[in-house]
Amino acid sequence: MLIIIAPIVGLLPGPGGVFVFAIGFALMLKNSALVRKFYARLKTKHPKKGEWVDWAMRRKSAIRRSRRKRENQGTD
């Protein structure tokens, strides 16, 4: 529902539509297996965008992945 409302809120002055869309997407990503599969495919095609979304959502898997990446770079 929030994603559908985002373009309408986007017509108002200010960046409100972006925040409404982001909240709606985050809720869908947490609660829908179909959206998670779509997001996983999107991340493989566009890893940099996936990193930004993971960072913005403060996903635990992203934190573990970045920690492992830093540890591996330190040993190389």
N, C-alpha and C. Protein backbone atom coordinates (compact mmCIF):
# COMPACT_ATOMS: atom_id res chain seq x y z
N MET A 1 0.82 -1.18 0.00
CA MET A 1 0.00 0.00 0.00
C MET A 1 0.87 1.26 0.00
N LEU A 2 1.95 1.23 0.78
CA LEU A 2 2.83 2.40 0.84
C LEU A 2 3.51 2.66 -0.50
N ILE A 3 3.86 1.61 -1.22
CA ILE A 3 4.51 1.78 -2.52
C ILE A 3 3.53 2.39 -3.52
N ILE A 4 2.27 2.03 -3.42
CA ILE A 4 1.26 2.58 -4.31
C ILE A 4 1.02 4.06 -4.00
N ILE A 5 1.09 4.43 -2.73
CA ILE A 5 0.85 5.81 -2.31
C ILE A 5 2.07 6.70 -2.61
N ALA A 6 3.25 6.13 -2.74
CA ALA A 6 4.47 6.91 -2.90
C ALA A 6 4.42 7.92 -4.05
N PRO A 7 3.95 7.55 -5.26
CA PRO A 7 3.90 8.56 -6.32
C PRO A 7 2.97 9.73 -6.01
N ILE A 8 1.90 9.45 -5.28
CA ILE A 8 0.97 10.52 -4.91
C ILE A 8 1.63 11.47 -3.92
N VAL A 9 2.30 10.90 -2.93
CA VAL A 9 3.01 11.72 -1.94
C VAL A 9 4.18 12.44 -2.62
N GLY A 10 4.75 11.84 -3.66
CA GLY A 10 5.86 12.47 -4.38
C GLY A 10 5.47 13.76 -5.06
N LEU A 11 4.19 13.96 -5.35
CA LEU A 11 3.75 15.20 -5.97
C LEU A 11 3.80 16.37 -5.01
N LEU A 12 3.77 16.08 -3.73
CA LEU A 12 3.86 17.14 -2.72
C LEU A 12 5.29 17.67 -2.67
N PRO A 13 5.48 18.93 -2.26
CA PRO A 13 6.84 19.46 -2.15
C PRO A 13 7.66 18.68 -1.12
N GLY A 14 8.90 18.46 -1.45
CA GLY A 14 9.80 17.74 -0.55
C GLY A 14 10.02 16.31 -0.98
N PRO A 15 10.92 15.62 -0.32
CA PRO A 15 11.28 14.24 -0.71
C PRO A 15 10.42 13.16 -0.06
N GLY A 16 9.21 13.46 0.33
CA GLY A 16 8.37 12.52 1.08
C GLY A 16 8.11 11.22 0.36
N GLY A 17 7.92 11.27 -0.97
CA GLY A 17 7.62 10.06 -1.73
C GLY A 17 8.73 9.03 -1.66
N VAL A 18 9.96 9.49 -1.62
CA VAL A 18 11.11 8.58 -1.55
C VAL A 18 11.08 7.80 -0.24
N PHE A 19 10.80 8.49 0.84
CA PHE A 19 10.78 7.84 2.15
C PHE A 19 9.61 6.87 2.27
N VAL A 20 8.46 7.25 1.73
CA VAL A 20 7.29 6.36 1.79
C VAL A 20 7.57 5.10 0.98
N PHE A 21 8.19 5.25 -0.20
CA PHE A 21 8.53 4.09 -1.02
C PHE A 21 9.54 3.19 -0.30
N ALA A 22 10.56 3.79 0.30
CA ALA A 22 11.59 3.01 0.99
C ALA A 22 11.01 2.22 2.16
N ILE A 23 10.11 2.83 2.89
CA ILE A 23 9.49 2.12 4.02
C ILE A 23 8.63 0.97 3.50
N GLY A 24 7.88 1.20 2.45
CA GLY A 24 7.06 0.15 1.86
C GLY A 24 7.90 -1.00 1.34
N PHE A 25 9.01 -0.68 0.66
CA PHE A 25 9.89 -1.71 0.14
C PHE A 25 10.53 -2.51 1.27
N ALA A 26 10.95 -1.83 2.32
CA ALA A 26 11.55 -2.52 3.46
C ALA A 26 10.56 -3.49 4.11
N LEU A 27 9.32 -3.07 4.27
CA LEU A 27 8.31 -3.95 4.85
C LEU A 27 8.05 -5.16 3.96
N MET A 28 8.00 -4.93 2.65
CA MET A 28 7.80 -6.05 1.73
C MET A 28 8.98 -7.01 1.77
N LEU A 29 10.19 -6.48 1.84
CA LEU A 29 11.38 -7.32 1.85
C LEU A 29 11.45 -8.17 3.11
N LYS A 30 10.98 -7.65 4.21
CA LYS A 30 11.01 -8.42 5.45
C LYS A 30 9.92 -9.49 5.52
N ASN A 31 8.80 -9.27 4.83
CA ASN A 31 7.64 -10.14 5.01
C ASN A 31 7.28 -11.02 3.83
N SER A 32 7.90 -10.86 2.68
CA SER A 32 7.48 -11.60 1.50
C SER A 32 8.63 -12.42 0.91
N ALA A 33 8.42 -13.72 0.79
CA ALA A 33 9.44 -14.59 0.21
C ALA A 33 9.64 -14.29 -1.27
N LEU A 34 8.58 -13.94 -1.98
CA LEU A 34 8.68 -13.62 -3.40
C LEU A 34 9.54 -12.38 -3.62
N VAL A 35 9.35 -11.38 -2.80
CA VAL A 35 10.14 -10.15 -2.93
C VAL A 35 11.60 -10.43 -2.58
N ARG A 36 11.85 -11.29 -1.59
CA ARG A 36 13.23 -11.64 -1.24
C ARG A 36 13.94 -12.32 -2.40
N LYS A 37 13.24 -13.22 -3.11
CA LYS A 37 13.83 -13.88 -4.27
C LYS A 37 14.14 -12.88 -5.37
N PHE A 38 13.20 -11.96 -5.61
CA PHE A 38 13.42 -10.92 -6.60
C PHE A 38 14.62 -10.06 -6.22
N TYR A 39 14.71 -9.69 -4.95
CA TYR A 39 15.82 -8.87 -4.45
C TYR A 39 17.15 -9.61 -4.60
N ALA A 40 17.16 -10.90 -4.34
CA ALA A 40 18.40 -11.68 -4.49
C ALA A 40 18.87 -11.67 -5.94
N ARG A 41 17.93 -11.83 -6.89
CA ARG A 41 18.30 -11.76 -8.30
C ARG A 41 18.79 -10.37 -8.67
N LEU A 42 18.15 -9.35 -8.16
CA LEU A 42 18.56 -7.98 -8.44
C LEU A 42 19.96 -7.72 -7.90
N LYS A 43 20.25 -8.27 -6.71
CA LYS A 43 21.56 -8.06 -6.10
C LYS A 43 22.68 -8.72 -6.89
N THR A 44 22.41 -9.87 -7.51
CA THR A 44 23.45 -10.51 -8.30
C THR A 44 23.75 -9.72 -9.56
N LYS A 45 22.72 -9.07 -10.13
CA LYS A 45 22.94 -8.26 -11.33
C LYS A 45 23.55 -6.91 -11.01
N HIS A 46 23.18 -6.32 -9.88
CA HIS A 46 23.64 -4.98 -9.49
C HIS A 46 24.14 -5.02 -8.04
N PRO A 47 25.33 -5.54 -7.80
CA PRO A 47 25.79 -5.70 -6.41
C PRO A 47 25.97 -4.39 -5.66
N LYS A 48 26.35 -3.32 -6.34
CA LYS A 48 26.56 -2.05 -5.65
C LYS A 48 25.24 -1.49 -5.10
N LYS A 49 24.18 -1.61 -5.90
CA LYS A 49 22.86 -1.15 -5.43
C LYS A 49 22.38 -2.01 -4.26
N GLY A 50 22.67 -3.31 -4.31
CA GLY A 50 22.30 -4.19 -3.22
C GLY A 50 23.02 -3.84 -1.93
N GLU A 51 24.28 -3.43 -2.05
CA GLU A 51 25.03 -3.01 -0.86
C GLU A 51 24.39 -1.79 -0.22
N TRP A 52 23.95 -0.84 -1.04
CA TRP A 52 23.32 0.37 -0.51
C TRP A 52 22.01 0.04 0.21
N VAL A 53 21.21 -0.85 -0.37
CA VAL A 53 19.94 -1.23 0.26
C VAL A 53 20.22 -1.95 1.57
N ASP A 54 21.18 -2.87 1.56
CA ASP A 54 21.53 -3.59 2.79
C ASP A 54 22.00 -2.62 3.87
N TRP A 55 22.81 -1.65 3.48
CA TRP A 55 23.32 -0.67 4.43
C TRP A 55 22.16 0.16 4.99
N ALA A 56 21.26 0.58 4.12
CA ALA A 56 20.15 1.42 4.57
C ALA A 56 19.21 0.66 5.49
N MET A 57 19.04 -0.64 5.25
CA MET A 57 18.14 -1.44 6.08
C MET A 57 18.85 -2.02 7.30
N ARG A 58 20.16 -1.85 7.37
CA ARG A 58 20.97 -2.39 8.47
C ARG A 58 20.73 -3.89 8.63
N ARG A 59 20.81 -4.61 7.52
CA ARG A 59 20.55 -6.04 7.53
C ARG A 59 21.71 -6.77 8.20
N LYS A 60 21.39 -7.73 9.04
CA LYS A 60 22.42 -8.48 9.77
C LYS A 60 23.32 -9.26 8.83
N SER A 61 22.74 -9.80 7.75
CA SER A 61 23.55 -10.56 6.80
C SER A 61 24.58 -9.65 6.13
N ALA A 62 24.21 -8.41 5.86
CA ALA A 62 25.14 -7.48 5.23
C ALA A 62 26.26 -7.11 6.20
N ILE A 63 25.93 -6.98 7.46
CA ILE A 63 26.94 -6.65 8.46
C ILE A 63 27.94 -7.80 8.58
N ARG A 64 27.43 -9.05 8.59
CA ARG A 64 28.33 -10.21 8.65
C ARG A 64 29.22 -10.27 7.41
N ARG A 65 28.61 -10.03 6.25
CA ARG A 65 29.36 -10.09 5.00
C ARG A 65 30.47 -9.04 4.97
N SER A 66 30.17 -7.82 5.39
CA SER A 66 31.19 -6.77 5.37
C SER A 66 32.29 -7.05 6.40
N ARG A 67 31.92 -7.63 7.55
CA ARG A 67 32.92 -7.97 8.56
C ARG A 67 33.87 -9.05 8.01
N ARG A 68 33.29 -10.08 7.35
CA ARG A 68 34.13 -11.13 6.76
C ARG A 68 35.03 -10.56 5.67
N LYS A 69 34.49 -9.64 4.88
CA LYS A 69 35.27 -9.04 3.80
C LYS A 69 36.47 -8.26 4.37
N ARG A 70 36.25 -7.51 5.45
CA ARG A 70 37.34 -6.75 6.08
C ARG A 70 38.40 -7.70 6.65
N GLU A 71 37.94 -8.80 7.29
CA GLU A 71 38.89 -9.76 7.87
C GLU A 71 39.72 -10.41 6.78
N ASN A 72 39.10 -10.77 5.67
CA ASN A 72 39.82 -11.40 4.56
C ASN A 72 40.81 -10.44 3.92
N GLN A 73 40.47 -9.16 3.85
CA GLN A 73 41.39 -8.18 3.28
C GLN A 73 42.59 -7.96 4.19
N GLY A 74 42.36 -8.09 5.48
CA GLY A 74 43.47 -7.93 6.42
C GLY A 74 44.46 -9.07 6.37
N THR A 75 44.01 -10.29 6.00
CA THR A 75 44.92 -11.42 5.94
C THR A 75 45.64 -11.52 4.61
N ASP A 76 45.12 -10.85 3.58
CA ASP A 76 45.77 -10.91 2.25
C ASP A 76 47.01 -10.07 2.17
